[in-house]
Amino acid sequence: MKNIVLFGPPGAGKGTQSAFLVEKFGFVHLSTGDIFRYNIKNQTELGTLAKSYMDQGQLVPDSVTIDMLKSEWSKYPDAVGFLFDGFPRTQAQAQALDEILAEAGQSIAAMIGLEVPEAELVARLLERGKTSGRPDDANPEVIGQRIAVYHKETAPVQGYYEAQGKYMALSGVGSVESITASLSEKIQAL
């Protein structure tokens, strides 16, 4: 079983690339953003709480995110592997993910980081905001806050996986197809 963390700042292309990788490798795609948006749309208690943080460009607290992810992960006992998108976002989440997987005799095979210059991220998010219906994609101030939170709170997770020899960097600039091909090569080599 290959468990992959697809990593990068907002707008790096994690969601776009995840769709191709799920189709190619048969992974179960676990996107915390998608799970939160589902709960927000359905006005669950978790969704209301998550929305209050997301609308300000902040991360949802670790305890809520970890419990939610563990619940979702446990729904797929026969998966060939998981593609984690948007998780882990903090070192506490990375440690919790390792513990969850270890209990099932599994581990993360690799964290692949999509690296994209900040100006490109902002442009991508503003463009996505025209069609996504997500208020956090349409407001340049919120986008700036999301990127700042990423650098402060999420980017250090890279070091957690580097220390385990599991981090791989990949340019997230170029055609969708070329990035998909590069990602596929890295995953097949694991």
N, C-alpha and C. Protein backbone atom coordinates (compact mmCIF):
# COMPACT_ATOMS: atom_id res chain seq x y z
N MET A 1 0.84 -1.18 0.00
CA MET A 1 0.00 0.00 0.00
C MET A 1 0.88 1.23 0.00
N LYS A 2 0.59 2.15 -0.91
CA LYS A 2 1.32 3.41 -0.97
C LYS A 2 0.42 4.52 -0.43
N ASN A 3 0.90 5.16 0.61
CA ASN A 3 0.21 6.32 1.15
C ASN A 3 1.08 7.54 0.86
N ILE A 4 0.49 8.49 0.13
CA ILE A 4 1.23 9.66 -0.34
C ILE A 4 0.59 10.92 0.23
N VAL A 5 1.44 11.85 0.67
CA VAL A 5 0.98 13.18 1.05
C VAL A 5 1.34 14.10 -0.10
N LEU A 6 0.33 14.72 -0.71
CA LEU A 6 0.57 15.73 -1.73
C LEU A 6 0.55 17.07 -1.03
N PHE A 7 1.66 17.80 -1.12
CA PHE A 7 1.92 18.95 -0.27
C PHE A 7 2.16 20.20 -1.11
N GLY A 8 1.79 21.34 -0.57
CA GLY A 8 2.08 22.61 -1.22
C GLY A 8 1.11 23.66 -0.73
N PRO A 9 1.43 24.91 -1.03
CA PRO A 9 0.59 26.01 -0.59
C PRO A 9 -0.75 26.04 -1.32
N PRO A 10 -1.69 26.85 -0.84
CA PRO A 10 -2.96 27.01 -1.56
C PRO A 10 -2.68 27.45 -2.99
N GLY A 11 -3.33 26.80 -3.95
CA GLY A 11 -3.16 27.15 -5.34
C GLY A 11 -2.02 26.43 -6.05
N ALA A 12 -1.33 25.53 -5.35
CA ALA A 12 -0.19 24.82 -5.96
C ALA A 12 -0.63 23.76 -6.97
N GLY A 13 -1.89 23.35 -6.92
CA GLY A 13 -2.38 22.35 -7.86
C GLY A 13 -2.65 20.99 -7.25
N LYS A 14 -2.71 20.93 -5.91
CA LYS A 14 -2.91 19.64 -5.24
C LYS A 14 -4.22 18.98 -5.66
N GLY A 15 -5.29 19.73 -5.68
CA GLY A 15 -6.59 19.16 -6.04
C GLY A 15 -6.63 18.71 -7.49
N THR A 16 -6.11 19.53 -8.38
CA THR A 16 -6.07 19.19 -9.80
C THR A 16 -5.26 17.91 -10.02
N GLN A 17 -4.08 17.86 -9.43
CA GLN A 17 -3.22 16.69 -9.62
C GLN A 17 -3.80 15.45 -8.94
N SER A 18 -4.44 15.64 -7.81
CA SER A 18 -5.03 14.50 -7.10
C SER A 18 -6.00 13.74 -7.98
N ALA A 19 -6.83 14.46 -8.73
CA ALA A 19 -7.82 13.81 -9.59
C ALA A 19 -7.14 12.87 -10.59
N PHE A 20 -6.04 13.30 -11.19
CA PHE A 20 -5.32 12.46 -12.15
C PHE A 20 -4.65 11.27 -11.46
N LEU A 21 -4.06 11.51 -10.30
CA LEU A 21 -3.36 10.43 -9.59
C LEU A 21 -4.32 9.37 -9.06
N VAL A 22 -5.49 9.80 -8.62
CA VAL A 22 -6.51 8.85 -8.15
C VAL A 22 -6.93 7.94 -9.31
N GLU A 23 -7.14 8.55 -10.47
CA GLU A 23 -7.54 7.77 -11.64
C GLU A 23 -6.44 6.80 -12.06
N LYS A 24 -5.21 7.25 -12.06
CA LYS A 24 -4.10 6.43 -12.54
C LYS A 24 -3.73 5.31 -11.57
N PHE A 25 -3.70 5.60 -10.27
CA PHE A 25 -3.19 4.63 -9.29
C PHE A 25 -4.28 3.97 -8.44
N GLY A 26 -5.50 4.48 -8.49
CA GLY A 26 -6.58 3.90 -7.70
C GLY A 26 -6.56 4.30 -6.23
N PHE A 27 -5.84 5.37 -5.91
CA PHE A 27 -5.80 5.85 -4.53
C PHE A 27 -7.18 6.32 -4.07
N VAL A 28 -7.40 6.28 -2.77
CA VAL A 28 -8.53 6.99 -2.17
C VAL A 28 -8.02 8.40 -1.87
N HIS A 29 -8.71 9.39 -2.39
CA HIS A 29 -8.32 10.78 -2.22
C HIS A 29 -8.98 11.33 -0.96
N LEU A 30 -8.16 11.70 0.00
CA LEU A 30 -8.68 12.31 1.23
C LEU A 30 -8.23 13.76 1.26
N SER A 31 -9.16 14.64 0.94
CA SER A 31 -8.90 16.07 0.92
C SER A 31 -9.65 16.70 2.09
N THR A 32 -8.89 17.25 3.03
CA THR A 32 -9.56 17.89 4.17
C THR A 32 -10.42 19.04 3.69
N GLY A 33 -9.96 19.77 2.67
CA GLY A 33 -10.77 20.88 2.15
C GLY A 33 -12.12 20.39 1.64
N ASP A 34 -12.12 19.28 0.87
CA ASP A 34 -13.38 18.73 0.36
C ASP A 34 -14.29 18.28 1.50
N ILE A 35 -13.68 17.64 2.48
CA ILE A 35 -14.48 17.14 3.61
C ILE A 35 -15.09 18.31 4.38
N PHE A 36 -14.30 19.35 4.60
CA PHE A 36 -14.83 20.53 5.28
C PHE A 36 -15.92 21.19 4.45
N ARG A 37 -15.70 21.35 3.14
CA ARG A 37 -16.71 22.00 2.29
C ARG A 37 -18.01 21.20 2.29
N TYR A 38 -17.93 19.87 2.29
CA TYR A 38 -19.13 19.04 2.36
C TYR A 38 -19.90 19.35 3.65
N ASN A 39 -19.16 19.42 4.76
CA ASN A 39 -19.80 19.70 6.04
C ASN A 39 -20.36 21.12 6.10
N ILE A 40 -19.69 22.06 5.46
CA ILE A 40 -20.18 23.44 5.42
C ILE A 40 -21.46 23.50 4.61
N LYS A 41 -21.44 22.88 3.43
CA LYS A 41 -22.61 22.89 2.55
C LYS A 41 -23.81 22.28 3.24
N ASN A 42 -23.58 21.22 4.01
CA ASN A 42 -24.67 20.54 4.70
C ASN A 42 -24.94 21.10 6.09
N GLN A 43 -24.26 22.20 6.42
CA GLN A 43 -24.46 22.94 7.68
C GLN A 43 -24.39 22.05 8.92
N THR A 44 -23.40 21.13 8.91
CA THR A 44 -23.20 20.32 10.10
C THR A 44 -22.52 21.17 11.16
N GLU A 45 -22.48 20.66 12.38
CA GLU A 45 -21.81 21.39 13.45
C GLU A 45 -20.33 21.60 13.11
N LEU A 46 -19.69 20.54 12.60
CA LEU A 46 -18.29 20.65 12.19
C LEU A 46 -18.14 21.67 11.06
N GLY A 47 -19.06 21.65 10.13
CA GLY A 47 -19.00 22.59 9.00
C GLY A 47 -19.10 24.03 9.44
N THR A 48 -19.98 24.32 10.37
CA THR A 48 -20.13 25.68 10.87
C THR A 48 -18.85 26.13 11.58
N LEU A 49 -18.29 25.24 12.38
CA LEU A 49 -17.05 25.56 13.08
C LEU A 49 -15.90 25.76 12.09
N ALA A 50 -15.77 24.85 11.14
CA ALA A 50 -14.70 24.95 10.14
C ALA A 50 -14.83 26.24 9.33
N LYS A 51 -16.05 26.59 8.96
CA LYS A 51 -16.29 27.80 8.16
C LYS A 51 -15.81 29.04 8.87
N SER A 52 -16.00 29.09 10.17
CA SER A 52 -15.59 30.29 10.91
C SER A 52 -14.09 30.51 10.83
N TYR A 53 -13.31 29.43 10.76
CA TYR A 53 -11.86 29.54 10.61
C TYR A 53 -11.47 29.79 9.16
N MET A 54 -12.07 29.02 8.24
CA MET A 54 -11.71 29.11 6.83
C MET A 54 -12.01 30.48 6.24
N ASP A 55 -13.12 31.10 6.65
CA ASP A 55 -13.48 32.41 6.13
C ASP A 55 -12.47 33.48 6.51
N GLN A 56 -11.70 33.22 7.54
CA GLN A 56 -10.67 34.17 7.97
C GLN A 56 -9.29 33.78 7.45
N GLY A 57 -9.24 32.69 6.64
CA GLY A 57 -7.98 32.23 6.10
C GLY A 57 -7.14 31.48 7.11
N GLN A 58 -7.75 31.04 8.20
CA GLN A 58 -7.03 30.33 9.26
C GLN A 58 -7.23 28.82 9.13
N LEU A 59 -6.33 28.08 9.78
CA LEU A 59 -6.45 26.62 9.81
C LEU A 59 -7.48 26.21 10.86
N VAL A 60 -8.21 25.15 10.56
CA VAL A 60 -9.12 24.55 11.53
C VAL A 60 -8.24 23.88 12.59
N PRO A 61 -8.61 23.95 13.88
CA PRO A 61 -7.76 23.36 14.93
C PRO A 61 -7.43 21.89 14.69
N ASP A 62 -6.22 21.50 15.10
CA ASP A 62 -5.73 20.14 14.87
C ASP A 62 -6.68 19.07 15.37
N SER A 63 -7.20 19.22 16.58
CA SER A 63 -8.02 18.15 17.16
C SER A 63 -9.24 17.86 16.29
N VAL A 64 -9.88 18.89 15.76
CA VAL A 64 -11.06 18.72 14.92
C VAL A 64 -10.66 18.05 13.60
N THR A 65 -9.59 18.54 13.01
CA THR A 65 -9.14 18.02 11.73
C THR A 65 -8.70 16.56 11.84
N ILE A 66 -7.94 16.22 12.87
CA ILE A 66 -7.45 14.86 13.06
C ILE A 66 -8.60 13.89 13.25
N ASP A 67 -9.55 14.23 14.10
CA ASP A 67 -10.69 13.34 14.34
C ASP A 67 -11.51 13.14 13.07
N MET A 68 -11.70 14.21 12.33
CA MET A 68 -12.46 14.14 11.10
C MET A 68 -11.75 13.26 10.07
N LEU A 69 -10.44 13.43 9.93
CA LEU A 69 -9.69 12.64 8.96
C LEU A 69 -9.67 11.16 9.36
N LYS A 70 -9.46 10.88 10.63
CA LYS A 70 -9.43 9.49 11.08
C LYS A 70 -10.75 8.80 10.78
N SER A 71 -11.84 9.50 11.00
CA SER A 71 -13.16 8.95 10.72
C SER A 71 -13.31 8.65 9.23
N GLU A 72 -12.89 9.57 8.39
CA GLU A 72 -13.00 9.38 6.95
C GLU A 72 -12.07 8.26 6.47
N TRP A 73 -10.84 8.22 6.95
CA TRP A 73 -9.86 7.21 6.56
C TRP A 73 -10.37 5.81 6.89
N SER A 74 -11.00 5.66 8.03
CA SER A 74 -11.44 4.33 8.47
C SER A 74 -12.57 3.75 7.61
N LYS A 75 -13.16 4.55 6.74
CA LYS A 75 -14.23 4.08 5.86
C LYS A 75 -13.72 3.23 4.70
N TYR A 76 -12.39 3.16 4.52
CA TYR A 76 -11.81 2.50 3.36
C TYR A 76 -10.78 1.44 3.75
N PRO A 77 -11.20 0.37 4.42
CA PRO A 77 -10.24 -0.63 4.88
C PRO A 77 -9.55 -1.40 3.76
N ASP A 78 -10.13 -1.43 2.57
CA ASP A 78 -9.56 -2.21 1.47
C ASP A 78 -8.87 -1.35 0.42
N ALA A 79 -8.54 -0.13 0.75
CA ALA A 79 -7.92 0.79 -0.21
C ALA A 79 -6.54 0.30 -0.64
N VAL A 80 -6.18 0.58 -1.90
CA VAL A 80 -4.84 0.25 -2.38
C VAL A 80 -3.82 1.27 -1.90
N GLY A 81 -4.31 2.40 -1.44
CA GLY A 81 -3.45 3.46 -0.93
C GLY A 81 -4.26 4.73 -0.81
N PHE A 82 -3.68 5.69 -0.11
CA PHE A 82 -4.36 6.96 0.11
C PHE A 82 -3.51 8.10 -0.41
N LEU A 83 -4.19 9.08 -0.96
CA LEU A 83 -3.55 10.32 -1.37
C LEU A 83 -4.11 11.41 -0.44
N PHE A 84 -3.27 11.87 0.46
CA PHE A 84 -3.66 12.89 1.41
C PHE A 84 -3.39 14.26 0.81
N ASP A 85 -4.42 15.07 0.72
CA ASP A 85 -4.36 16.38 0.08
C ASP A 85 -4.85 17.41 1.09
N GLY A 86 -3.96 18.27 1.55
CA GLY A 86 -4.34 19.26 2.54
C GLY A 86 -4.19 18.75 3.96
N PHE A 87 -3.57 17.62 4.11
CA PHE A 87 -3.33 17.03 5.42
C PHE A 87 -2.09 16.17 5.31
N PRO A 88 -1.18 16.25 6.25
CA PRO A 88 -1.19 17.09 7.45
C PRO A 88 -0.74 18.52 7.17
N ARG A 89 -1.27 19.44 7.96
CA ARG A 89 -0.92 20.86 7.82
C ARG A 89 -0.11 21.38 9.00
N THR A 90 0.05 20.56 10.01
CA THR A 90 0.88 20.94 11.16
C THR A 90 1.69 19.71 11.57
N GLN A 91 2.73 19.94 12.37
CA GLN A 91 3.53 18.80 12.83
C GLN A 91 2.68 17.88 13.71
N ALA A 92 1.78 18.45 14.51
CA ALA A 92 0.92 17.60 15.34
C ALA A 92 0.05 16.69 14.46
N GLN A 93 -0.44 17.23 13.35
CA GLN A 93 -1.23 16.42 12.43
C GLN A 93 -0.37 15.34 11.77
N ALA A 94 0.87 15.67 11.43
CA ALA A 94 1.78 14.68 10.82
C ALA A 94 2.05 13.54 11.80
N GLN A 95 2.29 13.88 13.05
CA GLN A 95 2.53 12.84 14.06
C GLN A 95 1.28 11.99 14.27
N ALA A 96 0.12 12.64 14.29
CA ALA A 96 -1.14 11.90 14.46
C ALA A 96 -1.37 10.97 13.27
N LEU A 97 -1.08 11.44 12.06
CA LEU A 97 -1.24 10.60 10.87
C LEU A 97 -0.33 9.38 10.95
N ASP A 98 0.92 9.59 11.35
CA ASP A 98 1.83 8.45 11.51
C ASP A 98 1.28 7.44 12.50
N GLU A 99 0.70 7.92 13.60
CA GLU A 99 0.14 7.02 14.62
C GLU A 99 -1.07 6.27 14.09
N ILE A 100 -1.96 6.96 13.38
CA ILE A 100 -3.15 6.34 12.81
C ILE A 100 -2.74 5.22 11.85
N LEU A 101 -1.79 5.53 10.97
CA LEU A 101 -1.34 4.53 9.99
C LEU A 101 -0.59 3.39 10.65
N ALA A 102 0.24 3.70 11.64
CA ALA A 102 1.02 2.65 12.33
C ALA A 102 0.10 1.64 13.00
N GLU A 103 -1.02 2.09 13.55
CA GLU A 103 -1.99 1.18 14.18
C GLU A 103 -2.52 0.16 13.18
N ALA A 104 -2.51 0.52 11.89
CA ALA A 104 -2.98 -0.38 10.84
C ALA A 104 -1.82 -1.04 10.10
N GLY A 105 -0.60 -0.89 10.64
CA GLY A 105 0.57 -1.49 10.01
C GLY A 105 0.99 -0.79 8.72
N GLN A 106 0.68 0.49 8.61
CA GLN A 106 0.99 1.25 7.40
C GLN A 106 1.86 2.45 7.75
N SER A 107 2.30 3.15 6.71
CA SER A 107 3.07 4.38 6.90
C SER A 107 2.94 5.24 5.65
N ILE A 108 3.46 6.45 5.74
CA ILE A 108 3.53 7.33 4.59
C ILE A 108 4.73 6.90 3.75
N ALA A 109 4.51 6.68 2.45
CA ALA A 109 5.61 6.32 1.56
C ALA A 109 6.41 7.56 1.18
N ALA A 110 5.70 8.68 0.94
CA ALA A 110 6.39 9.92 0.56
C ALA A 110 5.48 11.11 0.73
N MET A 111 6.11 12.25 0.95
CA MET A 111 5.45 13.54 0.83
C MET A 111 6.04 14.19 -0.41
N ILE A 112 5.17 14.52 -1.36
CA ILE A 112 5.63 15.18 -2.58
C ILE A 112 5.13 16.62 -2.54
N GLY A 113 6.08 17.55 -2.54
CA GLY A 113 5.75 18.96 -2.43
C GLY A 113 5.74 19.65 -3.78
N LEU A 114 4.60 20.25 -4.12
CA LEU A 114 4.49 21.05 -5.34
C LEU A 114 4.96 22.46 -5.02
N GLU A 115 6.02 22.89 -5.66
CA GLU A 115 6.61 24.19 -5.37
C GLU A 115 6.24 25.18 -6.48
N VAL A 116 5.61 26.31 -6.06
CA VAL A 116 5.09 27.31 -6.99
C VAL A 116 5.39 28.69 -6.42
N PRO A 117 5.90 29.64 -7.24
CA PRO A 117 6.16 30.99 -6.75
C PRO A 117 4.86 31.66 -6.26
N GLU A 118 5.00 32.53 -5.26
CA GLU A 118 3.83 33.14 -4.62
C GLU A 118 2.96 33.94 -5.59
N ALA A 119 3.55 34.69 -6.49
CA ALA A 119 2.75 35.47 -7.44
C ALA A 119 1.87 34.56 -8.30
N GLU A 120 2.40 33.41 -8.67
CA GLU A 120 1.63 32.44 -9.44
C GLU A 120 0.48 31.86 -8.61
N LEU A 121 0.73 31.61 -7.32
CA LEU A 121 -0.32 31.10 -6.43
C LEU A 121 -1.48 32.07 -6.36
N VAL A 122 -1.17 33.35 -6.15
CA VAL A 122 -2.22 34.37 -6.02
C VAL A 122 -3.02 34.45 -7.32
N ALA A 123 -2.34 34.46 -8.45
CA ALA A 123 -3.04 34.52 -9.74
C ALA A 123 -3.95 33.30 -9.93
N ARG A 124 -3.46 32.13 -9.60
CA ARG A 124 -4.27 30.91 -9.74
C ARG A 124 -5.51 30.95 -8.85
N LEU A 125 -5.32 31.38 -7.61
CA LEU A 125 -6.45 31.41 -6.67
C LEU A 125 -7.50 32.44 -7.09
N LEU A 126 -7.06 33.60 -7.53
CA LEU A 126 -8.02 34.61 -7.99
C LEU A 126 -8.79 34.10 -9.21
N GLU A 127 -8.11 33.40 -10.11
CA GLU A 127 -8.78 32.84 -11.27
C GLU A 127 -9.78 31.77 -10.84
N ARG A 128 -9.36 30.91 -9.92
CA ARG A 128 -10.26 29.86 -9.41
C ARG A 128 -11.46 30.48 -8.70
N GLY A 129 -11.23 31.61 -8.03
CA GLY A 129 -12.30 32.28 -7.30
C GLY A 129 -13.43 32.75 -8.19
N LYS A 130 -13.16 32.93 -9.49
CA LYS A 130 -14.21 33.36 -10.42
C LYS A 130 -15.24 32.27 -10.66
N THR A 131 -14.86 31.01 -10.44
CA THR A 131 -15.77 29.90 -10.75
C THR A 131 -16.04 28.97 -9.58
N SER A 132 -15.21 29.03 -8.53
CA SER A 132 -15.33 28.04 -7.46
C SER A 132 -16.46 28.32 -6.48
N GLY A 133 -16.88 29.57 -6.40
CA GLY A 133 -17.88 29.92 -5.39
C GLY A 133 -17.31 29.98 -3.99
N ARG A 134 -15.99 29.85 -3.86
CA ARG A 134 -15.34 29.88 -2.55
C ARG A 134 -14.91 31.31 -2.24
N PRO A 135 -15.44 31.90 -1.17
CA PRO A 135 -15.05 33.28 -0.84
C PRO A 135 -13.57 33.42 -0.52
N ASP A 136 -12.94 32.34 -0.05
CA ASP A 136 -11.52 32.42 0.29
C ASP A 136 -10.63 32.45 -0.96
N ASP A 137 -11.18 32.17 -2.15
CA ASP A 137 -10.43 32.25 -3.40
C ASP A 137 -10.63 33.59 -4.11
N ALA A 138 -11.62 34.35 -3.72
CA ALA A 138 -11.97 35.57 -4.44
C ALA A 138 -11.43 36.84 -3.79
N ASN A 139 -10.94 36.74 -2.58
CA ASN A 139 -10.52 37.92 -1.83
C ASN A 139 -8.99 37.93 -1.70
N PRO A 140 -8.31 38.90 -2.34
CA PRO A 140 -6.85 38.94 -2.28
C PRO A 140 -6.30 39.01 -0.85
N GLU A 141 -7.00 39.69 0.05
CA GLU A 141 -6.53 39.77 1.43
C GLU A 141 -6.58 38.41 2.12
N VAL A 142 -7.65 37.66 1.90
CA VAL A 142 -7.78 36.34 2.49
C VAL A 142 -6.75 35.39 1.86
N ILE A 143 -6.53 35.52 0.55
CA ILE A 143 -5.51 34.70 -0.11
C ILE A 143 -4.15 34.97 0.52
N GLY A 144 -3.83 36.24 0.71
CA GLY A 144 -2.56 36.59 1.35
C GLY A 144 -2.44 36.00 2.74
N GLN A 145 -3.54 36.03 3.49
CA GLN A 145 -3.55 35.45 4.84
C GLN A 145 -3.35 33.94 4.78
N ARG A 146 -4.00 33.28 3.82
CA ARG A 146 -3.87 31.82 3.68
C ARG A 146 -2.43 31.44 3.36
N ILE A 147 -1.80 32.20 2.47
CA ILE A 147 -0.40 31.91 2.11
C ILE A 147 0.52 32.18 3.30
N ALA A 148 0.25 33.26 4.05
CA ALA A 148 1.07 33.55 5.24
C ALA A 148 0.92 32.45 6.28
N VAL A 149 -0.30 31.97 6.49
CA VAL A 149 -0.53 30.88 7.44
C VAL A 149 0.19 29.62 6.96
N TYR A 150 0.16 29.37 5.66
CA TYR A 150 0.87 28.21 5.12
C TYR A 150 2.36 28.29 5.47
N HIS A 151 2.98 29.43 5.21
CA HIS A 151 4.42 29.58 5.47
C HIS A 151 4.74 29.44 6.96
N LYS A 152 3.87 29.97 7.80
CA LYS A 152 4.14 29.95 9.24
C LYS A 152 3.85 28.59 9.88
N GLU A 153 2.70 27.99 9.53
CA GLU A 153 2.23 26.80 10.24
C GLU A 153 2.37 25.50 9.46
N THR A 154 2.24 25.56 8.14
CA THR A 154 2.21 24.33 7.36
C THR A 154 3.56 23.98 6.75
N ALA A 155 4.25 24.94 6.20
CA ALA A 155 5.53 24.66 5.55
C ALA A 155 6.51 23.88 6.45
N PRO A 156 6.53 24.13 7.77
CA PRO A 156 7.44 23.36 8.63
C PRO A 156 7.19 21.84 8.63
N VAL A 157 6.01 21.41 8.20
CA VAL A 157 5.74 19.97 8.13
C VAL A 157 6.69 19.30 7.14
N GLN A 158 7.15 20.06 6.15
CA GLN A 158 8.12 19.52 5.20
C GLN A 158 9.33 18.97 5.95
N GLY A 159 9.82 19.69 6.95
CA GLY A 159 10.97 19.25 7.72
C GLY A 159 10.73 17.94 8.46
N TYR A 160 9.50 17.73 8.89
CA TYR A 160 9.13 16.49 9.59
C TYR A 160 9.38 15.29 8.66
N TYR A 161 8.95 15.41 7.41
CA TYR A 161 9.13 14.31 6.46
C TYR A 161 10.54 14.27 5.89
N GLU A 162 11.21 15.41 5.78
CA GLU A 162 12.62 15.41 5.36
C GLU A 162 13.46 14.62 6.35
N ALA A 163 13.17 14.80 7.64
CA ALA A 163 13.93 14.08 8.68
C ALA A 163 13.75 12.57 8.56
N GLN A 164 12.63 12.13 7.98
CA GLN A 164 12.37 10.71 7.77
C GLN A 164 12.85 10.24 6.40
N GLY A 165 13.41 11.16 5.61
CA GLY A 165 13.85 10.82 4.26
C GLY A 165 12.70 10.58 3.30
N LYS A 166 11.54 11.20 3.56
CA LYS A 166 10.35 10.94 2.76
C LYS A 166 9.88 12.14 1.94
N TYR A 167 10.60 13.25 1.99
CA TYR A 167 10.15 14.44 1.25
C TYR A 167 10.78 14.49 -0.14
N MET A 168 9.95 14.78 -1.15
CA MET A 168 10.41 14.97 -2.52
C MET A 168 9.82 16.26 -3.06
N ALA A 169 10.65 17.15 -3.55
CA ALA A 169 10.18 18.40 -4.14
C ALA A 169 9.92 18.22 -5.63
N LEU A 170 8.93 18.94 -6.13
CA LEU A 170 8.58 18.88 -7.55
C LEU A 170 8.06 20.26 -7.96
N SER A 171 8.51 20.77 -9.08
CA SER A 171 8.01 22.05 -9.56
C SER A 171 6.53 21.90 -9.91
N GLY A 172 5.73 22.82 -9.39
CA GLY A 172 4.31 22.85 -9.70
C GLY A 172 3.98 23.85 -10.79
N VAL A 173 5.00 24.26 -11.55
CA VAL A 173 4.81 25.20 -12.64
C VAL A 173 5.00 24.45 -13.95
N GLY A 174 4.11 24.70 -14.88
CA GLY A 174 4.15 24.03 -16.17
C GLY A 174 2.76 23.54 -16.52
N SER A 175 2.68 22.75 -17.55
CA SER A 175 1.36 22.23 -17.95
C SER A 175 0.89 21.20 -16.93
N VAL A 176 -0.40 21.09 -16.81
CA VAL A 176 -0.98 20.10 -15.91
C VAL A 176 -0.46 18.71 -16.26
N GLU A 177 -0.37 18.43 -17.57
CA GLU A 177 0.06 17.11 -18.04
C GLU A 177 1.52 16.82 -17.66
N SER A 178 2.39 17.83 -17.81
CA SER A 178 3.80 17.58 -17.48
C SER A 178 3.99 17.39 -15.98
N ILE A 179 3.23 18.11 -15.18
CA ILE A 179 3.32 17.94 -13.73
C ILE A 179 2.79 16.56 -13.34
N THR A 180 1.68 16.15 -13.95
CA THR A 180 1.13 14.82 -13.69
C THR A 180 2.14 13.73 -14.04
N ALA A 181 2.82 13.89 -15.18
CA ALA A 181 3.81 12.89 -15.60
C ALA A 181 4.96 12.82 -14.59
N SER A 182 5.42 13.97 -14.12
CA SER A 182 6.51 13.98 -13.13
C SER A 182 6.08 13.35 -11.81
N LEU A 183 4.87 13.67 -11.38
CA LEU A 183 4.34 13.07 -10.15
C LEU A 183 4.23 11.55 -10.30
N SER A 184 3.72 11.12 -11.43
CA SER A 184 3.55 9.67 -11.67
C SER A 184 4.88 8.95 -11.61
N GLU A 185 5.91 9.55 -12.20
CA GLU A 185 7.24 8.94 -12.17
C GLU A 185 7.74 8.78 -10.73
N LYS A 186 7.55 9.82 -9.93
CA LYS A 186 8.00 9.75 -8.54
C LYS A 186 7.26 8.66 -7.77
N ILE A 187 5.96 8.58 -7.98
CA ILE A 187 5.15 7.59 -7.26
C ILE A 187 5.50 6.17 -7.71
N GLN A 188 5.70 5.97 -9.01
CA GLN A 188 6.04 4.63 -9.51
C GLN A 188 7.40 4.18 -9.00
N ALA A 189 8.29 5.13 -8.71
CA ALA A 189 9.62 4.79 -8.24
C ALA A 189 9.65 4.41 -6.75
N LEU A 190 8.55 4.63 -6.05
CA LEU A 190 8.51 4.31 -4.61
C LEU A 190 8.43 2.81 -4.38
